[in-house]
PDB file of N, CA and C in Angstrom:
ATOM      1  N   MET A   1      72.308  33.390 -73.822  1.00  0.00           N
ATOM      2  CA  MET A   1      71.356  34.710 -72.906  1.00  0.00           C
ATOM      3  C   MET A   1      70.737  34.230 -71.718  1.00  0.00           C
ATOM      4  N   HIS A   2      70.509  35.521 -70.867  1.00  0.00           N
ATOM      5  CA  HIS A   2      69.942  34.716 -69.792  1.00  0.00           C
ATOM      6  C   HIS A   2      68.734  35.600 -70.043  1.00  0.00           C
ATOM      7  N   THR A   3      67.362  35.052 -69.702  1.00  0.00           N
ATOM      8  CA  THR A   3      66.301  35.767 -69.452  1.00  0.00           C
ATOM      9  C   THR A   3      65.463  36.566 -68.622  1.00  0.00           C
ATOM     10  N   TYR A   4      65.171  37.090 -68.362  1.00  0.00           N
ATOM     11  CA  TYR A   4      64.829  38.170 -67.138  1.00  0.00           C
ATOM     12  C   TYR A   4      63.027  37.776 -66.920  1.00  0.00           C
ATOM     13  N   ARG A   5      62.992  37.286 -66.000  1.00  0.00           N
ATOM     14  CA  ARG A   5      61.188  37.001 -66.309  1.00  0.00           C
ATOM     15  C   ARG A   5      60.765  37.908 -64.483  1.00  0.00           C
ATOM     16  N   ARG A   6      59.842  38.680 -65.363  1.00  0.00           N
ATOM     17  CA  ARG A   6      59.429  39.288 -64.085  1.00  0.00           C
ATOM     18  C   ARG A   6      58.386  39.065 -63.226  1.00  0.00           C
ATOM     19  N   LYS A   7      58.541  38.662 -61.942  1.00  0.00           N
ATOM     20  CA  LYS A   7      57.791  38.272 -60.826  1.00  0.00           C
ATOM     21  C   LYS A   7      56.686  39.221 -60.788  1.00  0.00           C
ATOM     22  N   THR A   8      55.143  38.715 -60.360  1.00  0.00           N
ATOM     23  CA  THR A   8      53.774  39.212 -60.016  1.00  0.00           C
ATOM     24  C   THR A   8      53.793  39.227 -58.858  1.00  0.00           C
ATOM     25  N   ARG A   9      53.633  40.594 -58.550  1.00  0.00           N
ATOM     26  CA  ARG A   9      53.540  40.482 -56.786  1.00  0.00           C
ATOM     27  C   ARG A   9      51.747  40.419 -56.483  1.00  0.00           C
ATOM     28  N   VAL A  10      51.487  40.200 -55.476  1.00  0.00           N
ATOM     29  CA  VAL A  10      49.970  40.830 -55.091  1.00  0.00           C
ATOM     30  C   VAL A  10      50.227  41.388 -54.256  1.00  0.00           C
ATOM     31  N   THR A  11      49.978  42.729 -54.416  1.00  0.00           N
ATOM     32  CA  THR A  11      49.593  44.008 -53.024  1.00  0.00           C
ATOM     33  C   THR A  11      48.412  43.884 -52.244  1.00  0.00           C
ATOM     34  N   LEU A  12      48.165  44.511 -51.518  1.00  0.00           N
ATOM     35  CA  LEU A  12      47.370  45.202 -50.329  1.00  0.00           C
ATOM     36  C   LEU A  12      46.561  46.167 -50.936  1.00  0.00           C
ATOM     37  N   VAL A  13      47.458  46.978 -51.727  1.00  0.00           N
ATOM     38  CA  VAL A  13      47.032  48.189 -51.884  1.00  0.00           C
ATOM     39  C   VAL A  13      45.720  48.522 -52.785  1.00  0.00           C
ATOM     40  N   PRO A  14      45.309  47.584 -53.402  1.00  0.00           N
ATOM     41  CA  PRO A  14      43.761  47.796 -54.012  1.00  0.00           C
ATOM     42  C   PRO A  14      42.953  46.989 -53.082  1.00  0.00           C
ATOM     43  N   PHE A  15      43.341  46.410 -51.800  1.00  0.00           N
ATOM     44  CA  PHE A  15      42.443  45.843 -51.338  1.00  0.00           C
ATOM     45  C   PHE A  15      41.748  47.039 -50.144  1.00  0.00           C
ATOM     46  N   ILE A  16      42.952  47.403 -49.812  1.00  0.00           N
ATOM     47  CA  ILE A  16      42.916  48.588 -48.558  1.00  0.00           C
ATOM     48  C   ILE A  16      41.929  49.908 -49.421  1.00  0.00           C
ATOM     49  N   GLN A  17      41.961  49.994 -50.492  1.00  0.00           N
ATOM     50  CA  GLN A  17      41.233  51.191 -51.488  1.00  0.00           C
ATOM     51  C   GLN A  17      40.120  50.862 -51.328  1.00  0.00           C
ATOM     52  N   LEU A  18      39.697  49.471 -51.960  1.00  0.00           N
ATOM     53  CA  LEU A  18      38.199  49.469 -51.895  1.00  0.00           C
ATOM     54  C   LEU A  18      37.742  49.332 -50.196  1.00  0.00           C
ATOM     55  N   LEU A  19      38.260  48.912 -49.071  1.00  0.00           N
ATOM     56  CA  LEU A  19      37.979  48.705 -47.999  1.00  0.00           C
ATOM     57  C   LEU A  19      37.437  49.681 -47.628  1.00  0.00           C
ATOM     58  N   SER A  20      38.306  50.920 -47.706  1.00  0.00           N
ATOM     59  CA  SER A  20      38.550  52.629 -47.505  1.00  0.00           C
ATOM     60  C   SER A  20      37.110  53.021 -48.122  1.00  0.00           C
ATOM     61  N   LEU A  21      36.585  53.097 -49.340  1.00  0.00           N
ATOM     62  CA  LEU A  21      35.424  52.985 -49.719  1.00  0.00           C
ATOM     63  C   LEU A  21      33.910  52.584 -49.250  1.00  0.00           C
ATOM     64  N   VAL A  22      34.323  51.596 -48.941  1.00  0.00           N
ATOM     65  CA  VAL A  22      33.133  50.538 -48.217  1.00  0.00           C
ATOM     66  C   VAL A  22      33.082  51.373 -46.950  1.00  0.00           C
ATOM     67  N   LEU A  23      33.815  51.451 -46.557  1.00  0.00           N
ATOM     68  CA  LEU A  23      33.988  52.346 -45.028  1.00  0.00           C
ATOM     69  C   LEU A  23      33.035  53.915 -44.669  1.00  0.00           C
ATOM     70  N   VAL A  24      34.111  54.507 -45.702  1.00  0.00           N
ATOM     71  CA  VAL A  24      33.792  55.864 -46.017  1.00  0.00           C
ATOM     72  C   VAL A  24      31.858  55.939 -46.550  1.00  0.00           C
ATOM     73  N   PHE A  25      31.502  55.251 -47.568  1.00  0.00           N
ATOM     74  CA  PHE A  25      29.969  54.924 -47.514  1.00  0.00           C
ATOM     75  C   PHE A  25      29.202  54.397 -46.539  1.00  0.00           C
ATOM     76  N   ALA A  26      29.238  53.412 -45.939  1.00  0.00           N
ATOM     77  CA  ALA A  26      29.024  52.415 -45.169  1.00  0.00           C
ATOM     78  C   ALA A  26      28.489  53.369 -43.690  1.00  0.00           C
ATOM     79  N   LEU A  27      29.875  53.393 -43.110  1.00  0.00           N
ATOM     80  CA  LEU A  27      29.882  54.060 -41.944  1.00  0.00           C
ATOM     81  C   LEU A  27      28.331  54.929 -41.477  1.00  0.00           C
ATOM     82  N   PRO A  28      28.281  56.323 -42.184  1.00  0.00           N
ATOM     83  CA  PRO A  28      27.457  57.477 -42.298  1.00  0.00           C
ATOM     84  C   PRO A  28      25.904  56.673 -42.102  1.00  0.00           C
ATOM     85  N   VAL A  29      25.916  55.645 -42.412  1.00  0.00           N
ATOM     86  CA  VAL A  29      24.474  55.026 -42.624  1.00  0.00           C
ATOM     87  C   VAL A  29      24.102  54.102 -41.558  1.00  0.00           C
ATOM     88  N   VAL A  30      25.168  53.576 -41.399  1.00  0.00           N
ATOM     89  CA  VAL A  30      25.181  52.703 -40.207  1.00  0.00           C
ATOM     90  C   VAL A  30      25.084  53.575 -38.949  1.00  0.00           C
ATOM     91  N   TRP A  31      25.301  54.639 -38.548  1.00  0.00           N
ATOM     92  CA  TRP A  31      25.583  55.852 -37.934  1.00  0.00           C
ATOM     93  C   TRP A  31      24.386  56.332 -37.431  1.00  0.00           C
ATOM     94  N   ALA A  32      24.005  56.640 -38.728  1.00  0.00           N
ATOM     95  CA  ALA A  32      22.472  57.548 -39.151  1.00  0.00           C
ATOM     96  C   ALA A  32      21.385  56.348 -38.569  1.00  0.00           C
ATOM     97  N   SER A  33      21.345  55.443 -38.961  1.00  0.00           N
ATOM     98  CA  SER A  33      20.245  54.461 -38.393  1.00  0.00           C
ATOM     99  C   SER A  33      19.685  54.416 -37.187  1.00  0.00           C
ATOM    100  N   GLN A  34      18.178  54.633 -37.216  1.00  0.00           N
ATOM    101  CA  GLN A  34      17.919  54.293 -35.626  1.00  0.00           C
ATOM    102  C   GLN A  34      16.637  53.519 -35.604  1.00  0.00           C
ATOM    103  N   VAL A  35      16.289  52.908 -34.716  1.00  0.00           N
ATOM    104  CA  VAL A  35      14.991  52.420 -34.572  1.00  0.00           C
ATOM    105  C   VAL A  35      13.899  52.884 -33.512  1.00  0.00           C
ATOM    106  N   TYR A  36      12.996  53.320 -34.273  1.00  0.00           N
ATOM    107  CA  TYR A  36      11.614  54.056 -34.048  1.00  0.00           C
ATOM    108  C   TYR A  36      10.609  53.397 -33.548  1.00  0.00           C
ATOM    109  N   THR A  37       9.944  53.141 -32.581  1.00  0.00           N
ATOM    110  CA  THR A  37       8.779  52.548 -32.212  1.00  0.00           C
ATOM    111  C   THR A  37       7.643  53.765 -32.154  1.00  0.00           C
ATOM    112  N   SER A  38       6.378  52.864 -32.368  1.00  0.00           N
ATOM    113  CA  SER A  38       5.283  53.970 -32.554  1.00  0.00           C
ATOM    114  C   SER A  38       4.909  54.790 -30.956  1.00  0.00           C
ATOM    115  N   SER A  39       5.569  54.115 -29.786  1.00  0.00           N
ATOM    116  CA  SER A  39       5.611  54.989 -28.637  1.00  0.00           C
ATOM    117  C   SER A  39       5.740  54.179 -27.928  1.00  0.00           C
ATOM    118  N   PRO A  40       6.669  55.004 -27.032  1.00  0.00           N
ATOM    119  CA  PRO A  40       7.795  54.033 -26.223  1.00  0.00           C
ATOM    120  C   PRO A  40       7.282  53.505 -24.812  1.00  0.00           C
ATOM    121  N   ALA A  41       7.518  52.339 -24.822  1.00  0.00           N
ATOM    122  CA  ALA A  41       7.131  51.629 -23.771  1.00  0.00           C
ATOM    123  C   ALA A  41       7.404  51.822 -22.503  1.00  0.00           C
ATOM    124  N   HIS A  42       6.444  52.098 -21.335  1.00  0.00           N
ATOM    125  CA  HIS A  42       7.037  52.074 -19.871  1.00  0.00           C
ATOM    126  C   HIS A  42       6.449  51.108 -18.964  1.00  0.00           C
ATOM    127  N   TYR A  43       6.966  50.446 -18.083  1.00  0.00           N
ATOM    128  CA  TYR A  43       6.946  49.380 -17.211  1.00  0.00           C
ATOM    129  C   TYR A  43       7.289  49.745 -15.874  1.00  0.00           C
ATOM    130  N   ASP A  44       6.256  48.928 -15.224  1.00  0.00           N
ATOM    131  CA  ASP A  44       6.150  49.370 -13.506  1.00  0.00           C
ATOM    132  C   ASP A  44       6.355  47.920 -13.050  1.00  0.00           C
ATOM    133  N   LYS A  45       7.735  47.763 -11.979  1.00  0.00           N
ATOM    134  CA  LYS A  45       8.048  46.608 -11.708  1.00  0.00           C
ATOM    135  C   LYS A  45       7.004  46.060 -10.549  1.00  0.00           C
ATOM    136  N   VAL A  46       6.358  44.998 -10.138  1.00  0.00           N
ATOM    137  CA  VAL A  46       5.234  44.495  -9.215  1.00  0.00           C
ATOM    138  C   VAL A  46       5.982  43.207  -8.794  1.00  0.00           C
ATOM    139  N   VAL A  47       5.831  43.212  -7.396  1.00  0.00           N
ATOM    140  CA  VAL A  47       6.117  42.491  -6.616  1.00  0.00           C
ATOM    141  C   VAL A  47       5.231  41.469  -6.626  1.00  0.00           C
ATOM    142  N   VAL A  48       5.387  40.434  -6.678  1.00  0.00           N
ATOM    143  CA  VAL A  48       4.381  39.301  -6.377  1.00  0.00           C
ATOM    144  C   VAL A  48       3.951  39.128  -5.046  1.00  0.00           C
ATOM    145  N   GLY A  49       2.530  39.060  -4.634  1.00  0.00           N
ATOM    146  CA  GLY A  49       1.993  38.484  -3.607  1.00  0.00           C
ATOM    147  C   GLY A  49       1.501  37.176  -3.522  1.00  0.00           C
ATOM    148  N   HIS A  50       0.967  37.361  -2.183  1.00  0.00           N
ATOM    149  CA  HIS A  50       0.584  35.222  -1.794  1.00  0.00           C
ATOM    150  C   HIS A  50      -0.948  35.303  -2.306  1.00  0.00           C
ATOM    151  N   GLY A  51      -0.970  34.454  -3.207  1.00  0.00           N
ATOM    152  CA  GLY A  51      -1.845  34.301  -4.272  1.00  0.00           C
ATOM    153  C   GLY A  51      -2.425  34.575  -5.728  1.00  0.00           C
ATOM    154  N   ASP A  52      -1.211  36.191  -5.926  1.00  0.00           N
ATOM    155  CA  ASP A  52      -1.440  36.890  -6.871  1.00  0.00           C
ATOM    156  C   ASP A  52      -1.296  35.617  -8.237  1.00  0.00           C
ATOM    157  N   THR A  53      -2.085  35.931  -9.137  1.00  0.00           N
ATOM    158  CA  THR A  53      -1.973  35.657 -10.798  1.00  0.00           C
ATOM    159  C   THR A  53      -1.563  36.644 -11.677  1.00  0.00           C
ATOM    160  N   VAL A  54      -0.968  35.826 -12.913  1.00  0.00           N
ATOM    161  CA  VAL A  54      -0.969  37.242 -13.979  1.00  0.00           C
ATOM    162  C   VAL A  54      -2.375  37.480 -14.312  1.00  0.00           C
ATOM    163  N   TRP A  55      -3.131  36.583 -14.193  1.00  0.00           N
ATOM    164  CA  TRP A  55      -4.596  37.750 -14.583  1.00  0.00           C
ATOM    165  C   TRP A  55      -5.191  38.401 -13.574  1.00  0.00           C
ATOM    166  N   SER A  56      -4.941  37.876 -12.104  1.00  0.00           N
ATOM    167  CA  SER A  56      -4.928  39.191 -11.029  1.00  0.00           C
ATOM    168  C   SER A  56      -4.284  40.196 -11.213  1.00  0.00           C
ATOM    169  N   LEU A  57      -3.494  40.127 -11.331  1.00  0.00           N
ATOM    170  CA  LEU A  57      -2.357  41.591 -11.323  1.00  0.00           C
ATOM    171  C   LEU A  57      -3.004  42.418 -12.504  1.00  0.00           C
ATOM    172  N   VAL A  58      -2.978  41.834 -13.691  1.00  0.00           N
ATOM    173  CA  VAL A  58      -3.265  42.342 -14.940  1.00  0.00           C
ATOM    174  C   VAL A  58      -4.891  43.020 -14.797  1.00  0.00           C
ATOM    175  N   ALA A  59      -5.839  42.226 -14.430  1.00  0.00           N
ATOM    176  CA  ALA A  59      -6.906  42.485 -14.135  1.00  0.00           C
ATOM    177  C   ALA A  59      -7.100  43.972 -13.624  1.00  0.00           C
ATOM    178  N   LYS A  60      -6.371  44.192 -12.001  1.00  0.00           N
ATOM    179  CA  LYS A  60      -6.026  45.283 -11.498  1.00  0.00           C
ATOM    180  C   LYS A  60      -5.914  46.251 -12.108  1.00  0.00           C
ATOM    181  N   ARG A  61      -4.620  46.182 -13.070  1.00  0.00           N
ATOM    182  CA  ARG A  61      -4.885  47.571 -13.370  1.00  0.00           C
ATOM    183  C   ARG A  61      -5.395  47.531 -14.776  1.00  0.00           C
ATOM    184  N   ALA A  62      -5.867  46.658 -15.567  1.00  0.00           N
ATOM    185  CA  ALA A  62      -6.582  47.284 -16.466  1.00  0.00           C
ATOM    186  C   ALA A  62      -7.715  48.236 -16.500  1.00  0.00           C
ATOM    187  N   SER A  63      -7.974  49.021 -17.881  1.00  0.00           N
ATOM    188  CA  SER A  63      -8.534  49.986 -17.775  1.00  0.00           C
ATOM    189  C   SER A  63      -9.893  49.287 -18.274  1.00  0.00           C
ATOM    190  N   SER A  64     -11.421  50.173 -18.241  1.00  0.00           N
ATOM    191  CA  SER A  64     -12.264  49.294 -18.237  1.00  0.00           C
ATOM    192  C   SER A  64     -12.627  49.463 -20.200  1.00  0.00           C
ATOM    193  N   GLY A  65     -12.654  48.050 -20.739  1.00  0.00           N
ATOM    194  CA  GLY A  65     -12.932  48.270 -22.188  1.00  0.00           C
ATOM    195  C   GLY A  65     -11.798  47.374 -22.573  1.00  0.00           C
ATOM    196  N   SER A  66     -10.787  47.346 -21.788  1.00  0.00           N
ATOM    197  CA  SER A  66      -9.725  46.416 -22.510  1.00  0.00           C
ATOM    198  C   SER A  66      -9.615  44.979 -22.260  1.00  0.00           C
ATOM    199  N   ASP A  67      -9.220  43.624 -23.406  1.00  0.00           N
ATOM    200  CA  ASP A  67      -8.940  42.951 -23.369  1.00  0.00           C
ATOM    201  C   ASP A  67      -8.247  42.262 -22.222  1.00  0.00           C
ATOM    202  N   VAL A  68      -8.638  41.306 -20.909  1.00  0.00           N
ATOM    203  CA  VAL A  68      -7.776  41.333 -19.861  1.00  0.00           C
ATOM    204  C   VAL A  68      -6.708  40.046 -20.577  1.00  0.00           C
ATOM    205  N   ASN A  69      -7.223  39.210 -21.604  1.00  0.00           N
ATOM    206  CA  ASN A  69      -6.698  37.975 -21.830  1.00  0.00           C
ATOM    207  C   ASN A  69      -5.555  38.566 -22.391  1.00  0.00           C
ATOM    208  N   GLU A  70      -5.705  39.195 -23.576  1.00  0.00           N
ATOM    209  CA  GLU A  70      -4.961  39.793 -24.268  1.00  0.00           C
ATOM    210  C   GLU A  70      -4.006  40.333 -23.537  1.00  0.00           C
ATOM    211  N   LEU A  71      -4.039  41.191 -22.311  1.00  0.00           N
ATOM    212  CA  LEU A  71      -3.568  41.959 -21.878  1.00  0.00           C
ATOM    213  C   LEU A  71      -2.141  40.904 -20.796  1.00  0.00           C
ATOM    214  N   ALA A  72      -2.842  39.861 -20.267  1.00  0.00           N
ATOM    215  CA  ALA A  72      -2.104  39.084 -19.654  1.00  0.00           C
ATOM    216  C   ALA A  72      -1.176  37.881 -20.550  1.00  0.00           C
ATOM    217  N   TYR A  73      -1.734  37.981 -21.578  1.00  0.00           N
ATOM    218  CA  TYR A  73      -0.506  37.408 -23.210  1.00  0.00           C
ATOM    219  C   TYR A  73       0.471  38.113 -22.729  1.00  0.00           C
ATOM    220  N   ASN A  74       0.351  39.475 -23.017  1.00  0.00           N
ATOM    221  CA  ASN A  74       1.590  39.849 -23.467  1.00  0.00           C
ATOM    222  C   ASN A  74       2.633  40.296 -22.196  1.00  0.00           C
ATOM    223  N   VAL A  75       1.790  40.673 -20.517  1.00  0.00           N
ATOM    224  CA  VAL A  75       2.568  40.779 -19.722  1.00  0.00           C
ATOM    225  C   VAL A  75       3.255  39.495 -19.604  1.00  0.00           C
ATOM    226  N   MET A  76       2.675  38.042 -19.827  1.00  0.00           N
ATOM    227  CA  MET A  76       3.610  36.774 -19.729  1.00  0.00           C
ATOM    228  C   MET A  76       4.767  36.299 -20.955  1.00  0.00           C
ATOM    229  N   SER A  77       4.228  37.020 -21.965  1.00  0.00           N
ATOM    230  CA  SER A  77       5.578  37.064 -22.873  1.00  0.00           C
ATOM    231  C   SER A  77       6.195  38.643 -22.833  1.00  0.00           C
ATOM    232  N   LEU A  78       6.063  39.281 -21.862  1.00  0.00           N
ATOM    233  CA  LEU A  78       7.450  40.236 -22.051  1.00  0.00           C
ATOM    234  C   LEU A  78       8.348  39.619 -20.591  1.00  0.00           C
ATOM    235  N   ASN A  79       7.577  38.850 -19.473  1.00  0.00           N
ATOM    236  CA  ASN A  79       8.491  38.310 -18.652  1.00  0.00           C
ATOM    237  C   ASN A  79       8.939  37.092 -18.972  1.00  0.00           C
ATOM    238  N   HIS A  80       8.757  36.345 -20.250  1.00  0.00           N
ATOM    239  CA  HIS A  80       9.668  35.062 -20.264  1.00  0.00           C
ATOM    240  C   HIS A  80       8.986  34.193 -19.691  1.00  0.00           C
ATOM    241  N   LEU A  81       7.139  33.856 -19.661  1.00  0.00           N
ATOM    242  CA  LEU A  81       6.638  33.085 -19.062  1.00  0.00           C
ATOM    243  C   LEU A  81       5.564  32.280 -20.056  1.00  0.00           C
ATOM    244  N   LYS A  82       5.787  30.950 -19.776  1.00  0.00           N
ATOM    245  CA  LYS A  82       4.936  29.758 -20.224  1.00  0.00           C
ATOM    246  C   LYS A  82       3.584  29.773 -20.150  1.00  0.00           C
ATOM    247  N   ALA A  83       2.700  29.487 -20.529  1.00  0.00           N
ATOM    248  CA  ALA A  83       1.205  29.167 -20.187  1.00  0.00           C
ATOM    249  C   ALA A  83       1.394  28.195 -18.873  1.00  0.00           C
ATOM    250  N   GLY A  84       2.327  27.593 -18.827  1.00  0.00           N
ATOM    251  CA  GLY A  84       2.155  25.797 -17.416  1.00  0.00           C
ATOM    252  C   GLY A  84       2.818  27.153 -16.511  1.00  0.00           C
ATOM    253  N   ASP A  85       3.652  27.867 -16.171  1.00  0.00           N
ATOM    254  CA  ASP A  85       4.561  28.332 -15.464  1.00  0.00           C
ATOM    255  C   ASP A  85       3.959  29.005 -14.080  1.00  0.00           C
ATOM    256  N   ARG A  86       3.989  28.669 -13.057  1.00  0.00           N
ATOM    257  CA  ARG A  86       4.006  29.151 -11.665  1.00  0.00           C
ATOM    258  C   ARG A  86       4.615  30.493 -11.346  1.00  0.00           C
ATOM    259  N   ILE A  87       3.724  31.848 -10.937  1.00  0.00           N
ATOM    260  CA  ILE A  87       4.525  32.849 -10.223  1.00  0.00           C
ATOM    261  C   ILE A  87       4.923  32.817  -9.033  1.00  0.00           C
ATOM    262  N   ARG A  88       5.679  33.599  -8.143  1.00  0.00           N
ATOM    263  CA  ARG A  88       5.932  33.190  -6.735  1.00  0.00           C
ATOM    264  C   ARG A  88       5.768  34.197  -5.804  1.00  0.00           C
ATOM    265  N   PRO A  89       5.599  34.244  -5.014  1.00  0.00           N
ATOM    266  CA  PRO A  89       5.410  35.675  -4.085  1.00  0.00           C
ATOM    267  C   PRO A  89       6.982  35.973  -3.772  1.00  0.00           C
ATOM    268  N   GLY A  90       6.919  37.273  -4.131  1.00  0.00           N
ATOM    269  CA  GLY A  90       8.511  38.017  -3.788  1.00  0.00           C
ATOM    270  C   GLY A  90       8.817  38.222  -5.580  1.00  0.00           C
ATOM    271  N   GLN A  91       8.550  37.415  -6.142  1.00  0.00           N
ATOM    272  CA  GLN A  91       8.617  37.251  -7.869  1.00  0.00           C
ATOM    273  C   GLN A  91       8.547  38.852  -8.236  1.00  0.00           C
ATOM    274  N   VAL A  92       9.449  39.507  -9.308  1.00  0.00           N
ATOM    275  CA  VAL A  92       9.059  40.951  -9.586  1.00  0.00           C
ATOM    276  C   VAL A  92       8.824  40.963 -10.959  1.00  0.00           C
ATOM    277  N   LEU A  93       7.381  40.982 -11.725  1.00  0.00           N
ATOM    278  CA  LEU A  93       7.318  41.086 -12.995  1.00  0.00           C
ATOM    279  C   LEU A  93       7.315  42.814 -13.426  1.00  0.00           C
ATOM    280  N   LEU A  94       7.177  42.738 -14.847  1.00  0.00           N
ATOM    281  CA  LEU A  94       6.937  44.188 -15.142  1.00  0.00           C
ATOM    282  C   LEU A  94       6.081  43.950 -16.019  1.00  0.00           C
ATOM    283  N   LEU A  95       5.039  44.820 -15.550  1.00  0.00           N
ATOM    284  CA  LEU A  95       3.480  45.232 -16.121  1.00  0.00           C
ATOM    285  C   LEU A  95       3.741  46.554 -17.115  1.00  0.00           C
ATOM    286  N   PRO A  96       3.550  46.722 -18.362  1.00  0.00           N
ATOM    287  CA  PRO A  96       2.746  48.104 -18.870  1.00  0.00           C
ATOM    288  C   PRO A  96       2.098  48.983 -17.975  1.00  0.00           C
ATOM    289  N   ARG A  97       2.240  50.227 -18.321  1.00  0.00           N
ATOM    290  CA  ARG A  97       1.789  51.148 -17.709  1.00  0.00           C
ATOM    291  C   ARG A  97       0.416  51.533 -18.435  1.00  0.00           C
ATOM    292  N   ASN A  98      -0.421  52.073 -18.048  1.00  0.00           N
ATOM    293  CA  ASN A  98      -1.601  52.568 -18.782  1.00  0.00           C
ATOM    294  C   ASN A  98      -1.670  53.856 -18.919  1.00  0.00           C
TER     295      ASN A  98
END
């Protein structure tokens, strides 16, 4: 007598169902997420002139009572400058508006 052995097959149906459930619940969360900051940052583009330094550019625009050292550090970070970097005439820097 010949015995019939049933083959087990792997189907994609459970995988597709699981993926559908994940997408149904995850996509609205991803679409709804937004990044909020305390206040939107606005910047002015300033062209560096002959003899200008980051310190002098920041000091001209700083309001009275503000820490020019901290503002200069922030401008250098914003423009990806390191402590030893020199700025050149004609170079454009971003400076935060006051």
